[in-house]
Amino acid sequence: MKKLLIALLIAGAVGGFAYYKFGGEKELQYMTIHASRGDVVETVLASGTLVGRNEVEVGAQVNGQIQKLYVKLGDKVKKGDMIAEIDPRTQLNSLSSAKAELRIVQADKKQTEALLKQQELEYNRQLKMKKGNATSDADLEKAEANLAQTRAKLESCDANIEKAKISVSTAETNLGYTKITAPRDGVVIGIVTEEGQTVVSTQSAPTIVKIADLETMTVEAEISEADVVKVKPGMNSYFTILGLPDRKFVSTFRDIEPATESESSSSSSSASSSSSSQAIYYNALLDVDNSEGLLRKSMTAEVTIILGESKDVLYLPIAVLNKNLGNSKYMVYVKGANGKAEERVVTVGRKDNINYEIVDGITEKDEIIIGSDVASAEAAAMAAGNSRRRGPRL
């Protein structure tokens, strides 16, 4: 249809007027087409990049040297599989020290408990002696103070034991961190740290490997600010890749990121200063099954999001619609039964990249004037209108 339209437009552009003379009148011959019937699919087009679904960076939470790396690039891993091991000697020493400290405070508690029993006996003895006036008030008060002090020390021992237990638990956790495991199922898509390299986790966890779920890939498609208001998650979508341009990969439109990448990574001042000079795009996230393994990370995807579809309707090429009257109405020129041009107002609906759906105004039988003949048709229609207004010649 597109090739036919181009051919007709060229023919119209280079064609002249064919006419013959009867009674001084000229009948113009126009290049025309008929409205076609079919489906009109309205879409938004975008370019995007394939990334792994649920991509994670697996890092170290303790300092040390990478003693063993258990995976290589491209390996499939399950949640809990060993990824790497850090030299555990420092963490083992910390655990031993924490356990020793726990034993010390536990022994201190036992000693304090024994002292408490002794001082309770001494206090009770002083109390009995006081009743018989066999001891002084000072000795009784001293025994009472010693008892209170030892009870307070026993409470302190309990607190020290709890603190020591926490230190042991922390040391055990840090020792566990020396064995780095996969947090989820996936494929190793990047190895950042090699065996023998020392990692330092003082400020942020250093990345050792990157894992992603490649069974399901995600397309990050850039949607312009003009189109982002038209699309919404759940709409039908598909994409093609350079290596397989004739295959449509059906995808699931999952979400739209609420802000552009530049807005989330830069300050508001820099974002506002650049917004006037740079186009604004939002990432649409589309998930696609990759069980065949054809799709790879960083591939370019040409995305089509389907806004809506009108089936078995009349349509005309967009180029044929001459004058936009507003409110989805256009002026076209139709060749009338007498061969003269007539004005028609058509109402349009959906449009694709080439055609507009025609809701009303013409039928399949109408001949729509196209190409350079439109100007002649417009002039003829105006002349006919003027002639009707002037009335018949005398």
Protein backbone atom coordinates (compact mmCIF):
# COMPACT_ATOMS: atom_id res chain seq x y z
CA MET A 1 0.00 0.00 0.00
CA LYS A 2 2.84 2.35 0.86
CA LYS A 3 4.61 1.70 -2.49
CA LEU A 4 1.34 2.24 -4.35
CA LEU A 5 0.79 5.56 -2.57
CA ILE A 6 4.31 6.77 -3.42
CA ALA A 7 3.83 5.81 -7.06
CA LEU A 8 0.52 7.62 -7.21
CA LEU A 9 1.91 10.74 -5.57
CA ILE A 10 4.81 10.86 -8.05
CA ALA A 11 2.44 10.35 -10.94
CA GLY A 12 0.23 13.13 -9.62
CA ALA A 13 3.18 15.47 -9.21
CA VAL A 14 4.42 15.09 -12.78
CA GLY A 15 0.99 14.73 -14.42
CA GLY A 16 -0.73 17.62 -16.14
CA PHE A 17 -4.32 18.39 -16.81
CA ALA A 18 -6.11 16.34 -19.49
CA TYR A 19 -9.07 18.15 -20.80
CA TYR A 20 -11.42 18.42 -23.68
CA LYS A 21 -13.77 21.23 -24.69
CA PHE A 22 -17.52 20.95 -24.95
CA GLY A 23 -19.53 24.17 -24.85
CA GLY A 24 -16.50 26.01 -23.46
CA GLU A 25 -16.23 23.84 -20.25
CA LYS A 26 -13.15 21.92 -19.07
CA GLU A 27 -13.53 18.65 -17.13
CA LEU A 28 -10.45 17.95 -15.02
CA GLN A 29 -9.08 14.43 -14.73
CA TYR A 30 -7.67 13.67 -11.26
CA MET A 31 -5.31 11.08 -9.77
CA THR A 32 -7.37 9.24 -7.15
CA ILE A 33 -7.30 6.35 -4.70
CA HIS A 34 -9.96 4.47 -2.75
CA ALA A 35 -9.99 4.02 1.01
CA SER A 36 -8.79 0.55 1.99
CA ARG A 37 -10.20 -1.79 4.61
CA GLY A 38 -8.11 -3.53 7.23
CA ASP A 39 -6.60 -3.17 10.70
CA VAL A 40 -5.06 0.01 12.12
CA VAL A 41 -2.72 -0.53 15.06
CA GLU A 42 -1.69 2.58 17.04
CA THR A 43 1.74 2.19 18.61
CA VAL A 44 4.57 3.92 20.44
CA LEU A 45 8.06 3.08 19.23
CA ALA A 46 11.16 3.16 21.40
CA SER A 47 14.73 1.89 21.57
CA GLY A 48 16.02 0.01 24.57
CA THR A 49 18.73 -2.19 26.01
CA LEU A 50 18.44 -5.73 27.35
CA VAL A 51 19.56 -6.30 30.94
CA GLY A 52 19.41 -9.27 33.26
CA ARG A 53 16.29 -9.58 35.40
CA ASN A 54 17.03 -9.08 39.11
CA GLU A 55 20.71 -8.34 38.57
CA VAL A 56 22.63 -8.30 41.87
CA GLU A 57 26.18 -7.50 42.89
CA VAL A 58 27.56 -10.05 45.34
CA GLY A 59 30.03 -8.40 47.69
CA ALA A 60 32.15 -9.02 50.77
CA GLN A 61 31.05 -7.88 54.22
CA VAL A 62 34.40 -8.49 55.93
CA ASN A 63 38.00 -7.60 55.19
CA GLY A 64 40.50 -10.15 53.94
CA GLN A 65 42.15 -11.85 51.02
CA ILE A 66 40.12 -13.87 48.51
CA GLN A 67 41.37 -17.37 49.26
CA LYS A 68 39.22 -19.27 46.76
CA LEU A 69 36.89 -18.32 43.89
CA TYR A 70 34.46 -21.13 43.09
CA VAL A 71 32.78 -19.76 39.95
CA LYS A 72 33.72 -18.55 36.50
CA LEU A 73 32.02 -16.31 33.98
CA GLY A 74 28.82 -17.80 32.61
CA ASP A 75 28.33 -20.36 35.40
CA LYS A 76 24.77 -21.06 36.49
CA VAL A 77 24.34 -20.92 40.26
CA LYS A 78 21.58 -21.75 42.72
CA LYS A 79 20.74 -19.81 45.85
CA GLY A 80 23.23 -20.79 48.57
CA ASP A 81 25.96 -22.05 46.20
CA MET A 82 29.51 -21.10 47.19
CA ILE A 83 30.84 -18.13 45.25
CA ALA A 84 34.10 -17.31 47.05
CA GLU A 85 35.91 -17.71 50.36
CA ILE A 86 37.91 -15.08 52.22
CA ASP A 87 40.91 -16.08 54.35
CA PRO A 88 39.16 -16.68 57.72
CA ARG A 89 42.15 -16.45 60.09
CA THR A 90 41.39 -12.93 61.30
CA GLN A 91 37.75 -13.81 61.92
CA LEU A 92 38.71 -17.09 63.68
CA ASN A 93 41.02 -15.16 66.00
CA SER A 94 38.26 -12.66 66.76
CA LEU A 95 35.88 -15.52 67.57
CA SER A 96 38.41 -17.18 69.87
CA SER A 97 39.02 -13.87 71.66
CA ALA A 98 35.27 -13.28 72.09
CA LYS A 99 34.75 -16.77 73.52
CA ALA A 100 37.64 -16.28 75.94
CA GLU A 101 36.15 -13.00 77.13
CA LEU A 102 32.83 -14.77 77.67
CA ARG A 103 34.50 -17.40 79.84
CA ILE A 104 36.20 -14.67 81.89
CA VAL A 105 32.96 -12.83 82.70
CA GLN A 106 31.19 -16.13 83.42
CA ALA A 107 33.95 -17.00 85.93
CA ASP A 108 33.68 -13.53 87.44
CA LYS A 109 29.97 -14.14 87.97
CA LYS A 110 30.62 -17.40 89.78
CA GLN A 111 33.14 -15.67 92.03
CA THR A 112 30.65 -12.89 92.73
CA GLU A 113 27.91 -15.41 93.52
CA ALA A 114 30.17 -17.09 96.07
CA LEU A 115 31.02 -13.74 97.63
CA LEU A 116 27.31 -12.88 97.74
CA LYS A 117 26.53 -16.01 99.77
CA GLN A 118 29.31 -15.20 102.21
CA GLN A 119 28.10 -11.64 102.68
CA GLU A 120 24.48 -12.74 103.11
CA LEU A 121 25.62 -14.99 105.98
CA GLU A 122 27.64 -12.15 107.49
CA TYR A 123 24.71 -9.76 107.27
CA ASN A 124 22.32 -12.27 108.91
CA ARG A 125 24.89 -12.90 111.68
CA GLN A 126 25.28 -9.17 112.33
CA LEU A 127 21.50 -8.80 112.36
CA LYS A 128 21.09 -11.48 115.06
CA MET A 129 23.94 -10.04 117.09
CA LYS A 130 22.36 -6.60 116.92
CA LYS A 131 19.16 -7.94 118.45
CA GLY A 132 21.24 -9.12 121.42
CA ASN A 133 23.26 -5.88 121.48
CA ALA A 134 26.35 -7.99 120.69
CA THR A 135 27.47 -5.78 117.75
CA SER A 136 27.56 -2.15 116.87
CA ASP A 137 25.39 -0.28 114.40
CA ALA A 138 28.48 0.45 112.32
CA ASP A 139 29.29 -3.26 111.82
CA LEU A 140 25.69 -4.00 110.83
CA GLU A 141 25.61 -1.12 108.35
CA LYS A 142 28.93 -2.23 106.88
CA ALA A 143 27.63 -5.78 106.36
CA GLU A 144 24.47 -4.39 104.74
CA ALA A 145 26.50 -2.12 102.39
CA ASN A 146 28.81 -4.97 101.38
CA LEU A 147 25.78 -7.13 100.56
CA ALA A 148 24.19 -4.42 98.40
CA GLN A 149 27.49 -3.79 96.59
CA THR A 150 27.93 -7.48 95.77
CA ARG A 151 24.36 -7.77 94.50
CA ALA A 152 25.00 -4.80 92.18
CA LYS A 153 28.21 -6.44 90.99
CA LEU A 154 26.26 -9.61 90.22
CA GLU A 155 23.89 -7.61 88.00
CA SER A 156 26.94 -6.10 86.30
CA CYS A 157 28.28 -9.61 85.71
CA ASP A 158 25.00 -10.58 84.01
CA ALA A 159 25.25 -7.52 81.75
CA ASN A 160 28.88 -8.32 80.92
CA ILE A 161 27.91 -11.88 80.03
CA GLU A 162 25.18 -10.64 77.66
CA LYS A 163 27.67 -8.27 76.06
CA ALA A 164 30.24 -11.05 75.68
CA LYS A 165 27.62 -13.33 74.11
CA ILE A 166 26.81 -10.61 71.58
CA SER A 167 30.53 -10.33 70.77
CA VAL A 168 30.68 -14.09 70.23
CA SER A 169 27.60 -13.96 67.98
CA THR A 170 29.09 -11.07 65.97
CA ALA A 171 32.38 -12.93 65.60
CA GLU A 172 30.53 -16.06 64.42
CA THR A 173 28.57 -13.96 61.92
CA ASN A 174 31.76 -12.36 60.60
CA LEU A 175 33.31 -15.80 60.27
CA GLY A 176 30.26 -16.86 58.25
CA TYR A 177 30.75 -13.82 56.01
CA THR A 178 34.07 -15.27 54.87
CA LYS A 179 32.05 -17.86 52.94
CA ILE A 180 30.26 -15.89 50.22
CA THR A 181 27.23 -17.61 48.71
CA ALA A 182 24.79 -16.83 45.89
CA PRO A 183 21.81 -14.80 47.17
CA ARG A 184 19.56 -16.11 44.36
CA ASP A 185 19.47 -18.36 41.31
CA GLY A 186 21.11 -16.91 38.22
CA VAL A 187 24.09 -16.72 35.92
CA VAL A 188 27.48 -15.19 36.72
CA ILE A 189 27.65 -12.25 34.31
CA GLY A 190 30.71 -10.52 35.79
CA ILE A 191 33.75 -11.31 37.95
CA VAL A 192 35.15 -8.18 39.55
CA THR A 193 37.61 -9.62 42.10
CA GLU A 194 40.15 -12.39 41.53
CA GLU A 195 41.79 -14.94 43.85
CA GLY A 196 44.53 -13.43 45.99
CA GLN A 197 43.05 -9.95 45.88
CA THR A 198 42.41 -8.23 49.21
CA VAL A 199 38.99 -6.72 49.80
CA VAL A 200 38.24 -3.94 52.29
CA SER A 201 34.65 -3.45 53.41
CA THR A 202 35.21 -0.37 55.58
CA GLN A 203 32.85 1.95 53.71
CA SER A 204 30.94 -0.16 51.19
CA ALA A 205 30.81 -3.84 50.32
CA PRO A 206 33.32 -4.48 47.52
CA THR A 207 31.77 -6.41 44.62
CA ILE A 208 33.20 -9.86 43.91
CA VAL A 209 30.82 -11.14 41.21
CA LYS A 210 27.62 -10.06 39.46
CA ILE A 211 24.69 -12.44 39.12
CA ALA A 212 21.55 -12.02 37.01
CA ASP A 213 18.52 -14.08 36.08
CA LEU A 214 18.93 -14.57 32.32
CA GLU A 215 15.96 -16.94 32.04
CA THR A 216 13.88 -13.77 32.11
CA MET A 217 15.41 -10.65 30.55
CA THR A 218 14.29 -7.05 30.94
CA VAL A 219 14.27 -4.37 28.25
CA GLU A 220 14.89 -0.86 29.51
CA ALA A 221 13.15 1.12 26.77
CA GLU A 222 13.48 4.91 26.56
CA ILE A 223 10.04 6.51 26.23
CA SER A 224 9.95 10.20 25.34
CA GLU A 225 8.07 12.61 27.58
CA ALA A 226 5.60 13.15 24.71
CA ASP A 227 4.74 9.43 24.60
CA VAL A 228 5.06 8.43 28.26
CA VAL A 229 1.59 9.84 29.03
CA LYS A 230 0.09 7.49 26.42
CA VAL A 231 1.47 4.21 27.71
CA LYS A 232 0.80 2.24 30.89
CA PRO A 233 1.91 -1.11 32.33
CA GLY A 234 -0.01 -4.10 31.03
CA MET A 235 -0.22 -2.90 27.42
CA ASN A 236 0.73 -5.44 24.76
CA SER A 237 4.30 -5.02 23.56
CA TYR A 238 7.00 -6.71 21.53
CA PHE A 239 10.50 -5.97 20.26
CA THR A 240 13.03 -7.03 17.67
CA ILE A 241 16.82 -7.34 17.83
CA LEU A 242 19.43 -6.68 15.17
CA GLY A 243 20.38 -10.35 14.81
CA LEU A 244 16.76 -11.49 14.29
CA PRO A 245 14.97 -8.52 12.71
CA ASP A 246 12.02 -10.62 11.47
CA ARG A 247 11.22 -12.21 14.82
CA LYS A 248 8.93 -10.48 17.29
CA PHE A 249 9.74 -11.17 20.95
CA VAL A 250 6.49 -10.77 22.89
CA SER A 251 7.15 -8.99 26.18
CA THR A 252 5.30 -8.06 29.36
CA PHE A 253 5.10 -4.31 30.02
CA ARG A 254 5.85 -4.39 33.77
CA ASP A 255 6.42 -0.81 34.87
CA ILE A 256 7.65 2.72 34.12
CA GLU A 257 10.41 4.16 36.26
CA PRO A 258 9.05 7.27 38.02
CA ALA A 259 12.07 9.47 37.26
CA THR A 260 14.73 9.71 34.59
CA GLU A 261 18.16 8.29 35.33
CA SER A 262 19.71 11.76 35.25
CA GLU A 263 17.22 13.03 37.83
CA SER A 264 17.95 10.21 40.26
CA SER A 265 21.73 10.48 39.96
CA SER A 266 22.31 14.24 39.84
CA SER A 267 21.32 17.26 41.88
CA SER A 268 18.13 19.17 41.22
CA SER A 269 20.06 22.20 40.03
CA SER A 270 22.00 20.31 37.41
CA ALA A 271 18.86 18.48 36.33
CA SER A 272 16.93 21.71 35.90
CA SER A 273 19.76 23.36 33.98
CA SER A 274 20.04 20.46 31.56
CA SER A 275 16.30 19.90 31.09
CA SER A 276 15.99 22.84 28.72
CA SER A 277 18.68 21.54 26.36
CA GLN A 278 18.28 17.76 26.55
CA ALA A 279 15.45 15.45 25.56
CA ILE A 280 13.70 13.79 28.48
CA TYR A 281 13.17 10.02 28.49
CA TYR A 282 11.67 7.58 31.00
CA ASN A 283 12.58 3.91 31.20
CA ALA A 284 9.78 1.46 30.48
CA LEU A 285 10.55 -2.00 31.88
CA LEU A 286 9.47 -4.92 29.70
CA ASP A 287 10.10 -8.53 30.75
CA VAL A 288 10.60 -11.34 28.22
CA ASP A 289 11.11 -15.08 28.53
CA ASN A 290 14.62 -16.14 27.47
CA SER A 291 14.41 -19.89 27.93
CA GLU A 292 15.88 -20.32 24.43
CA GLY A 293 18.95 -18.31 25.42
CA LEU A 294 18.83 -16.14 22.29
CA LEU A 295 18.86 -12.84 24.15
CA ARG A 296 22.01 -11.46 25.74
CA LYS A 297 22.79 -8.63 28.08
CA SER A 298 23.34 -5.20 26.44
CA MET A 299 21.63 -6.13 23.15
CA THR A 300 19.72 -3.32 21.44
CA ALA A 301 15.95 -3.78 21.24
CA GLU A 302 13.54 -1.90 18.97
CA VAL A 303 10.37 -1.81 21.04
CA THR A 304 6.75 -1.48 19.93
CA ILE A 305 4.06 -0.77 22.54
CA ILE A 306 0.51 -1.23 21.27
CA LEU A 307 -1.80 1.58 22.40
CA GLY A 308 -4.87 0.17 20.70
CA GLU A 309 -6.14 -1.60 17.59
CA SER A 310 -9.10 -1.06 15.27
CA LYS A 311 -9.96 -4.13 13.18
CA ASP A 312 -11.60 -4.27 9.76
CA VAL A 313 -12.00 -0.51 9.35
CA LEU A 314 -11.64 1.97 6.51
CA TYR A 315 -8.31 3.76 6.39
CA LEU A 316 -6.44 6.29 4.28
CA PRO A 317 -2.76 7.20 4.11
CA ILE A 318 -1.94 10.10 6.42
CA ALA A 319 -0.48 12.03 3.46
CA VAL A 320 -3.89 12.06 1.74
CA LEU A 321 -5.57 14.04 4.52
CA ASN A 322 -5.20 17.62 3.35
CA LYS A 323 -6.49 20.14 5.86
CA ASN A 324 -6.69 19.59 9.62
CA LEU A 325 -9.96 21.10 10.86
CA GLY A 326 -9.43 20.12 14.50
CA ASN A 327 -11.45 17.74 16.70
CA SER A 328 -10.19 14.73 14.69
CA LYS A 329 -11.65 16.10 11.44
CA TYR A 330 -9.88 16.61 8.10
CA MET A 331 -10.86 18.02 4.72
CA VAL A 332 -10.43 15.79 1.66
CA TYR A 333 -11.50 16.19 -1.96
CA VAL A 334 -13.59 13.51 -3.62
CA LYS A 335 -14.25 13.09 -7.32
CA GLY A 336 -18.00 13.49 -7.74
CA ALA A 337 -20.36 11.64 -10.07
CA ASN A 338 -20.03 14.43 -12.63
CA GLY A 339 -16.24 14.26 -12.49
CA LYS A 340 -15.90 17.44 -10.48
CA ALA A 341 -14.12 17.81 -7.13
CA GLU A 342 -16.25 17.88 -4.00
CA GLU A 343 -15.24 18.79 -0.46
CA ARG A 344 -15.73 16.13 2.21
CA VAL A 345 -15.09 16.30 5.95
CA VAL A 346 -13.90 12.99 7.40
CA THR A 347 -13.58 11.98 11.03
CA VAL A 348 -10.45 10.02 11.91
CA GLY A 349 -9.74 7.53 14.69
CA ARG A 350 -6.58 5.59 15.40
CA LYS A 351 -3.45 5.99 13.33
CA ASP A 352 -0.35 3.92 12.73
CA ASN A 353 2.89 5.06 11.12
CA ILE A 354 1.28 5.30 7.66
CA ASN A 355 -2.52 5.34 7.85
CA TYR A 356 -5.43 6.97 9.64
CA GLU A 357 -8.62 5.11 10.51
CA ILE A 358 -11.60 6.78 8.81
CA VAL A 359 -14.63 6.78 11.12
CA ASP A 360 -17.06 8.56 8.79
CA GLY A 361 -17.27 10.97 5.86
CA ILE A 362 -16.44 8.65 2.93
CA THR A 363 -17.09 5.12 1.70
CA GLU A 364 -14.94 2.52 -0.03
CA LYS A 365 -16.45 3.57 -3.38
CA ASP A 366 -15.40 7.22 -3.10
CA GLU A 367 -12.44 8.35 -5.20
CA ILE A 368 -10.08 10.46 -3.09
CA ILE A 369 -8.05 13.03 -5.03
CA ILE A 370 -4.33 12.90 -4.24
CA GLY A 371 -0.97 14.42 -5.17
CA SER A 372 -0.58 17.74 -6.91
CA ASP A 373 -4.15 17.40 -8.17
CA VAL A 374 -5.37 18.40 -4.71
CA ALA A 375 -4.55 22.05 -5.43
CA SER A 376 -6.48 21.87 -8.69
CA ALA A 377 -9.38 20.16 -6.92
CA GLU A 378 -9.42 22.83 -4.23
CA ALA A 379 -9.43 25.59 -6.84
CA ALA A 380 -12.19 23.87 -8.80
CA ALA A 381 -14.29 23.36 -5.67
CA MET A 382 -13.87 27.03 -4.76
CA ALA A 383 -14.78 28.09 -8.29
CA ALA A 384 -17.88 25.92 -8.21
CA GLY A 385 -18.87 27.45 -4.90
CA ASN A 386 -18.39 30.98 -6.22
CA SER A 387 -20.39 30.13 -9.33
CA ARG A 388 -23.28 28.87 -7.20
CA ARG A 389 -23.18 32.04 -5.13
CA ARG A 390 -23.19 34.28 -8.26
CA GLY A 391 -26.06 32.36 -9.89
CA PRO A 392 -26.51 31.55 -13.61
CA ARG A 393 -25.16 33.82 -16.32
CA LEU A 394 -27.66 35.89 -18.29
